Amino acid sequence: MSIKHRLREFKAGMEPSIKETKFMLGRIKQSPLSVFGIAIILFYIGIAILAPLLAPPTLKDPYMIPRERFYPTPQPPSEKHPFGTTEDQLDIFYGTIWGTRIAFWVGLWVVAASLAIGLVVGCIAGYYGGIIDELLMRFTDIIIAFPSLVLAIAIVAALGKSLDNVLLALVLVGWPGYTRLIRGEILKAKQDDYVEAAKAIGASDFRTLFRHIIPNTIYPVVIVASLDIGAIVLTAAALSFLGLGSPSGYADWGQLITISQNWIYGSSQNPWEYWYTFIIPGIFIFTFVLGWNLLGDAFRDILDPTLRRR
């Protein structure tokens, strides 16, 4: 076979991938908000990577915010502390920069663990059905019956105050949603012709699931997972605000707002005197969650098969 013939075959094989890539980019460009969401996430990824350069750590644990002195009231932004300090003289700039890494860790770890559990339970329930499906889904319904935030608070309160326990609690209340979604998609897909054909040629259950069914049903789950990352970070910040999350002085956005709650109303002379103690961490939480929500819309535009046919 000549080199020219091989090159022609290579180009012919690449054409579908190139067309698919152009389609995805075209769908994203049609939605400016999706581009804005991607830009926000890329911005925070840059902050997380450059954290040691933007806010050089001075303690053994870089996630503990250093304090130079003790002073009873927060100090306004200055050249040394661009975002000001809290009442314990914790540097807000340092806390928000390193808190970006914590936000990514919390969101990605919880969603990945919840998705893994939901994928296993949902696949077993949806594919095999019968009594197995009934038992698994009734247990799932019991978990879903409890308000997720209340159940997470109860779990953390029982296990003890720590970031690890917050992550565990969020996983325990988060997996049922993925289970129901995956199960529903598999129930629809396992009746399709390609699944019947795979069974007819003797494909094992494992191969049928992971080679044929899951690749064709995973797209809605990916979209929901991208949206859930922002919601998970918001819930973790709420638990920290309630005093159930990170220890005092930890670089966590929710923890920073907790420290500033005594100064939300400012002073009698100036109600907005200490605005920087809660507005700046709040902006980080708001934009981070907004970025993931917009990114979820971008994934929907790319992965939604109904949009592909238009």
Protein backbone atom coordinates (compact mmCIF):
# COMPACT_ATOMS: atom_id res chain seq x y z
CA MET A 1 0.00 0.00 0.00
CA SER A 2 1.46 3.36 -1.05
CA ILE A 3 2.03 6.23 1.35
CA LYS A 4 -0.46 8.42 -0.57
CA HIS A 5 -3.15 5.76 -0.23
CA ARG A 6 -2.53 5.51 3.51
CA LEU A 7 -2.71 9.29 3.85
CA ARG A 8 -6.05 9.33 2.01
CA GLU A 9 -7.42 6.64 4.34
CA PHE A 10 -6.17 8.58 7.39
CA LYS A 11 -7.81 11.79 6.18
CA ALA A 12 -11.07 9.93 5.44
CA GLY A 13 -11.05 8.50 8.97
CA MET A 14 -10.37 11.90 10.48
CA GLU A 15 -13.20 13.67 8.65
CA PRO A 16 -15.98 12.55 11.07
CA SER A 17 -13.90 13.66 14.08
CA ILE A 18 -13.15 17.02 12.48
CA LYS A 19 -16.82 17.55 11.62
CA GLU A 20 -17.82 16.58 15.16
CA THR A 21 -15.31 19.03 16.65
CA LYS A 22 -16.51 21.84 14.37
CA PHE A 23 -20.10 21.09 15.37
CA MET A 24 -19.24 21.27 19.09
CA LEU A 25 -17.34 24.54 18.69
CA GLY A 26 -20.18 25.95 16.61
CA ARG A 27 -22.75 25.07 19.28
CA ILE A 28 -20.64 26.74 21.97
CA LYS A 29 -20.09 29.89 19.89
CA GLN A 30 -23.84 30.24 19.42
CA SER A 31 -24.22 30.61 23.18
CA PRO A 32 -22.20 33.55 24.58
CA LEU A 33 -23.18 32.59 28.12
CA SER A 34 -21.61 29.15 27.64
CA VAL A 35 -18.38 30.82 26.53
CA PHE A 36 -18.57 33.08 29.56
CA GLY A 37 -19.02 30.05 31.85
CA ILE A 38 -16.02 28.28 30.32
CA ALA A 39 -13.97 31.47 30.76
CA ILE A 40 -14.94 31.67 34.45
CA ILE A 41 -13.92 28.04 35.10
CA LEU A 42 -10.63 28.53 33.23
CA PHE A 43 -10.01 31.65 35.32
CA TYR A 44 -10.49 29.71 38.56
CA ILE A 45 -8.35 26.86 37.27
CA GLY A 46 -5.59 29.41 36.69
CA ILE A 47 -6.00 30.73 40.24
CA ALA A 48 -5.84 27.21 41.68
CA ILE A 49 -2.68 26.37 39.73
CA LEU A 50 -0.94 29.67 40.52
CA ALA A 51 -2.00 29.78 44.19
CA PRO A 52 1.58 29.27 45.53
CA LEU A 53 2.72 32.25 43.43
CA LEU A 54 -0.27 34.51 44.05
CA ALA A 55 -0.31 33.87 47.81
CA PRO A 56 2.96 32.24 48.95
CA PRO A 57 2.33 30.05 52.02
CA THR A 58 4.19 30.80 55.25
CA LEU A 59 2.89 27.90 57.36
CA LYS A 60 3.54 24.17 57.08
CA ASP A 61 -0.05 23.61 55.97
CA PRO A 62 -0.63 25.98 53.04
CA TYR A 63 -4.40 25.81 53.54
CA MET A 64 -4.18 27.43 56.97
CA ILE A 65 -4.41 31.21 56.62
CA PRO A 66 -1.46 32.94 58.30
CA ARG A 67 -2.11 35.69 60.84
CA GLU A 68 0.49 38.26 61.85
CA ARG A 69 -1.14 39.78 64.89
CA PHE A 70 -4.41 39.92 66.81
CA TYR A 71 -6.68 42.91 66.50
CA PRO A 72 -10.35 43.08 67.56
CA THR A 73 -11.78 44.51 64.31
CA PRO A 74 -11.25 43.72 60.62
CA GLN A 75 -8.75 45.86 58.74
CA PRO A 76 -9.62 47.39 55.34
CA PRO A 77 -7.85 46.48 52.08
CA SER A 78 -4.28 47.69 51.89
CA GLU A 79 -1.16 47.12 49.83
CA LYS A 80 -0.10 44.25 52.08
CA HIS A 81 -3.60 42.77 52.33
CA PRO A 82 -5.42 43.55 49.04
CA PHE A 83 -8.77 42.20 50.26
CA GLY A 84 -8.38 43.26 53.89
CA THR A 85 -8.39 41.03 56.97
CA THR A 86 -10.99 39.42 59.22
CA GLU A 87 -11.45 40.11 62.93
CA ASP A 88 -8.75 37.51 63.70
CA GLN A 89 -6.46 39.25 61.20
CA LEU A 90 -6.75 36.42 58.69
CA ASP A 91 -5.75 37.58 55.21
CA ILE A 92 -8.89 37.43 53.04
CA PHE A 93 -6.84 37.47 49.84
CA TYR A 94 -4.88 34.41 50.94
CA GLY A 95 -8.05 32.64 52.04
CA THR A 96 -9.90 33.23 48.76
CA ILE A 97 -6.93 32.21 46.59
CA TRP A 98 -6.24 28.93 48.39
CA GLY A 99 -9.96 28.43 48.93
CA THR A 100 -10.24 28.01 45.15
CA ARG A 101 -8.35 24.72 45.42
CA ILE A 102 -10.66 23.60 48.22
CA ALA A 103 -13.70 24.47 46.08
CA PHE A 104 -12.43 22.36 43.17
CA TRP A 105 -11.53 19.51 45.52
CA VAL A 106 -14.94 19.52 47.21
CA GLY A 107 -16.97 19.82 44.01
CA LEU A 108 -15.07 17.34 41.86
CA TRP A 109 -14.47 14.73 44.59
CA VAL A 110 -18.08 14.67 45.81
CA VAL A 111 -19.56 14.53 42.31
CA ALA A 112 -17.09 11.83 41.18
CA ALA A 113 -17.78 9.65 44.24
CA SER A 114 -21.56 10.16 44.04
CA LEU A 115 -21.54 9.43 40.32
CA ALA A 116 -19.51 6.24 40.82
CA ILE A 117 -21.96 4.91 43.43
CA GLY A 118 -24.96 6.00 41.39
CA LEU A 119 -23.54 4.39 38.26
CA VAL A 120 -23.05 1.00 39.94
CA VAL A 121 -26.41 0.95 41.75
CA GLY A 122 -28.35 2.40 38.80
CA CYS A 123 -26.83 -0.06 36.32
CA ILE A 124 -27.61 -3.07 38.49
CA ALA A 125 -31.17 -1.91 39.21
CA GLY A 126 -32.01 -0.85 35.67
CA TYR A 127 -30.38 -3.73 33.80
CA TYR A 128 -31.45 -6.69 35.94
CA GLY A 129 -34.79 -5.38 37.21
CA GLY A 130 -37.07 -7.60 39.28
CA ILE A 131 -36.58 -7.95 43.01
CA ILE A 132 -33.07 -6.47 42.79
CA ASP A 133 -34.49 -3.31 41.23
CA GLU A 134 -37.23 -3.10 43.87
CA LEU A 135 -34.86 -3.43 46.81
CA LEU A 136 -32.27 -0.98 45.49
CA MET A 137 -34.77 1.65 44.40
CA ARG A 138 -36.82 1.50 47.60
CA PHE A 139 -33.65 2.10 49.60
CA THR A 140 -32.81 4.95 47.22
CA ASP A 141 -36.27 6.44 47.74
CA ILE A 142 -35.76 6.37 51.51
CA ILE A 143 -32.59 8.47 51.17
CA ILE A 144 -34.28 10.88 48.76
CA ALA A 145 -37.23 11.29 51.14
CA PHE A 146 -35.03 13.24 53.58
CA PRO A 147 -34.17 16.87 52.75
CA SER A 148 -30.58 16.64 51.53
CA LEU A 149 -29.22 19.60 53.51
CA VAL A 150 -30.89 18.48 56.73
CA LEU A 151 -29.61 14.93 56.29
CA ALA A 152 -26.10 16.22 55.55
CA ILE A 153 -26.17 18.36 58.70
CA ALA A 154 -27.28 15.35 60.75
CA ILE A 155 -24.50 13.16 59.34
CA VAL A 156 -21.78 15.76 59.96
CA ALA A 157 -23.10 16.45 63.46
CA ALA A 158 -22.98 12.71 64.23
CA LEU A 159 -19.51 12.13 62.75
CA GLY A 160 -17.91 15.34 63.99
CA LYS A 161 -16.89 18.69 62.56
CA SER A 162 -14.35 18.33 59.73
CA LEU A 163 -14.06 18.88 56.00
CA ASP A 164 -13.67 15.14 55.38
CA ASN A 165 -16.96 14.44 57.14
CA VAL A 166 -18.63 17.16 55.08
CA LEU A 167 -17.43 15.44 51.89
CA LEU A 168 -18.66 12.07 53.14
CA ALA A 169 -22.05 13.51 54.08
CA LEU A 170 -22.48 15.16 50.67
CA VAL A 171 -21.66 11.88 48.92
CA LEU A 172 -24.14 9.95 51.06
CA VAL A 173 -26.96 12.35 50.19
CA GLY A 174 -25.89 12.89 46.58
CA TRP A 175 -25.70 9.43 45.01
CA PRO A 176 -29.47 8.63 44.91
CA GLY A 177 -30.13 11.34 42.31
CA TYR A 178 -27.59 9.82 39.91
CA THR A 179 -28.95 6.34 40.60
CA ARG A 180 -32.47 7.26 39.54
CA LEU A 181 -31.27 9.13 36.46
CA ILE A 182 -28.97 6.31 35.29
CA ARG A 183 -31.60 3.65 36.00
CA GLY A 184 -34.17 5.52 33.92
CA GLU A 185 -31.80 5.88 30.98
CA ILE A 186 -30.85 2.19 31.11
CA LEU A 187 -34.50 1.08 31.25
CA LYS A 188 -35.07 2.96 27.99
CA ALA A 189 -31.86 1.81 26.32
CA LYS A 190 -31.97 -1.91 27.10
CA GLN A 191 -35.01 -2.34 24.85
CA ASP A 192 -33.20 -0.91 21.81
CA ASP A 193 -32.15 -3.06 18.89
CA TYR A 194 -28.40 -2.64 19.41
CA VAL A 195 -28.69 -4.08 22.93
CA GLU A 196 -30.72 -7.04 21.70
CA ALA A 197 -28.14 -7.60 18.96
CA ALA A 198 -25.29 -7.55 21.51
CA LYS A 199 -27.09 -10.18 23.61
CA ALA A 200 -27.80 -12.28 20.53
CA ILE A 201 -24.12 -12.58 19.62
CA GLY A 202 -23.30 -13.70 23.17
CA ALA A 203 -21.96 -10.49 24.72
CA SER A 204 -21.65 -10.68 28.51
CA ASP A 205 -23.73 -8.44 30.77
CA PHE A 206 -20.61 -6.45 31.68
CA ARG A 207 -19.70 -5.86 28.03
CA THR A 208 -23.29 -5.03 27.09
CA LEU A 209 -23.50 -2.46 29.86
CA PHE A 210 -20.13 -0.78 29.58
CA ARG A 211 -19.54 -1.17 25.85
CA HIS A 212 -23.00 -0.46 24.48
CA ILE A 213 -25.54 0.88 27.00
CA ILE A 214 -23.57 3.30 29.19
CA PRO A 215 -21.78 5.13 26.31
CA ASN A 216 -25.20 5.84 24.79
CA THR A 217 -26.92 6.91 28.02
CA ILE A 218 -24.22 8.80 29.94
CA TYR A 219 -24.78 12.22 28.34
CA PRO A 220 -27.65 13.42 30.58
CA VAL A 221 -25.65 12.28 33.60
CA VAL A 222 -22.61 14.32 32.52
CA ILE A 223 -24.79 17.41 32.14
CA VAL A 224 -26.35 16.96 35.58
CA ALA A 225 -22.92 16.27 37.15
CA SER A 226 -21.47 19.51 35.75
CA LEU A 227 -24.41 21.44 37.19
CA ASP A 228 -24.10 19.66 40.54
CA ILE A 229 -20.48 20.73 41.09
CA GLY A 230 -21.56 24.31 41.72
CA ALA A 231 -24.44 23.19 43.94
CA ILE A 232 -22.10 20.97 45.97
CA VAL A 233 -19.68 23.85 46.58
CA LEU A 234 -22.62 26.02 47.66
CA THR A 235 -23.87 23.36 50.09
CA ALA A 236 -20.37 22.84 51.51
CA ALA A 237 -20.09 26.60 52.04
CA ALA A 238 -23.45 26.55 53.85
CA LEU A 239 -22.24 23.77 56.16
CA SER A 240 -19.06 25.73 56.87
CA PHE A 241 -21.17 28.81 57.61
CA LEU A 242 -23.13 26.74 60.13
CA GLY A 243 -19.87 25.78 61.83
CA LEU A 244 -19.84 22.16 60.64
CA GLY A 245 -17.14 22.36 58.00
CA SER A 246 -13.52 23.40 57.99
CA PRO A 247 -11.75 24.41 61.21
CA SER A 248 -11.26 28.08 62.03
CA GLY A 249 -8.53 29.68 59.98
CA TYR A 250 -8.84 27.23 57.09
CA ALA A 251 -8.79 28.60 53.54
CA ASP A 252 -12.44 27.96 52.81
CA TRP A 253 -14.85 30.49 51.34
CA GLY A 254 -17.70 29.46 53.60
CA GLN A 255 -15.41 29.64 56.61
CA LEU A 256 -14.42 33.23 55.71
CA ILE A 257 -18.07 34.30 55.61
CA THR A 258 -18.65 32.58 58.95
CA ILE A 259 -15.87 34.64 60.54
CA SER A 260 -17.34 37.83 59.08
CA GLN A 261 -20.93 37.31 60.24
CA ASN A 262 -20.45 39.60 63.25
CA TRP A 263 -19.49 42.44 60.91
CA ILE A 264 -22.18 42.18 58.24
CA TYR A 265 -24.01 45.21 59.65
CA GLY A 266 -20.82 47.26 59.98
CA SER A 267 -20.70 49.93 62.65
CA SER A 268 -23.25 52.45 63.86
CA GLN A 269 -21.44 55.19 61.93
CA ASN A 270 -21.06 53.22 58.67
CA PRO A 271 -23.20 50.10 58.03
CA TRP A 272 -20.93 49.12 55.10
CA GLU A 273 -17.64 49.70 56.88
CA TYR A 274 -16.63 46.02 56.80
CA TRP A 275 -18.20 45.07 53.46
CA TYR A 276 -15.00 43.39 52.25
CA THR A 277 -15.18 40.66 54.91
CA PHE A 278 -18.27 39.02 53.38
CA ILE A 279 -18.75 40.58 49.91
CA ILE A 280 -15.40 39.39 48.50
CA PRO A 281 -15.75 35.70 49.59
CA GLY A 282 -19.38 35.87 48.46
CA ILE A 283 -18.32 37.03 45.00
CA PHE A 284 -15.93 34.08 44.72
CA ILE A 285 -18.70 31.62 45.67
CA PHE A 286 -21.25 33.26 43.36
CA THR A 287 -19.04 33.40 40.27
CA PHE A 288 -17.65 29.88 40.81
CA VAL A 289 -21.16 28.40 41.02
CA LEU A 290 -22.33 30.53 38.08
CA GLY A 291 -19.41 29.29 35.98
CA TRP A 292 -20.31 25.63 36.56
CA ASN A 293 -23.99 26.27 35.82
CA LEU A 294 -23.12 27.94 32.52
CA LEU A 295 -20.63 25.17 31.75
CA GLY A 296 -23.45 22.66 32.27
CA ASP A 297 -25.46 24.53 29.63
CA ALA A 298 -22.47 24.26 27.28
CA PHE A 299 -22.29 20.50 27.83
CA ARG A 300 -26.01 20.27 27.11
CA ASP A 301 -25.54 22.10 23.81
CA ILE A 302 -22.69 19.75 22.87
CA LEU A 303 -24.07 16.42 24.08
CA ASP A 304 -27.84 16.72 23.64
CA PRO A 305 -28.67 14.38 20.73
CA THR A 306 -31.85 16.32 19.90
CA LEU A 307 -29.76 19.41 19.20
CA ARG A 308 -27.38 17.41 17.01
CA ARG A 309 -30.15 16.58 14.56
CA ARG A 310 -31.09 20.19 13.99
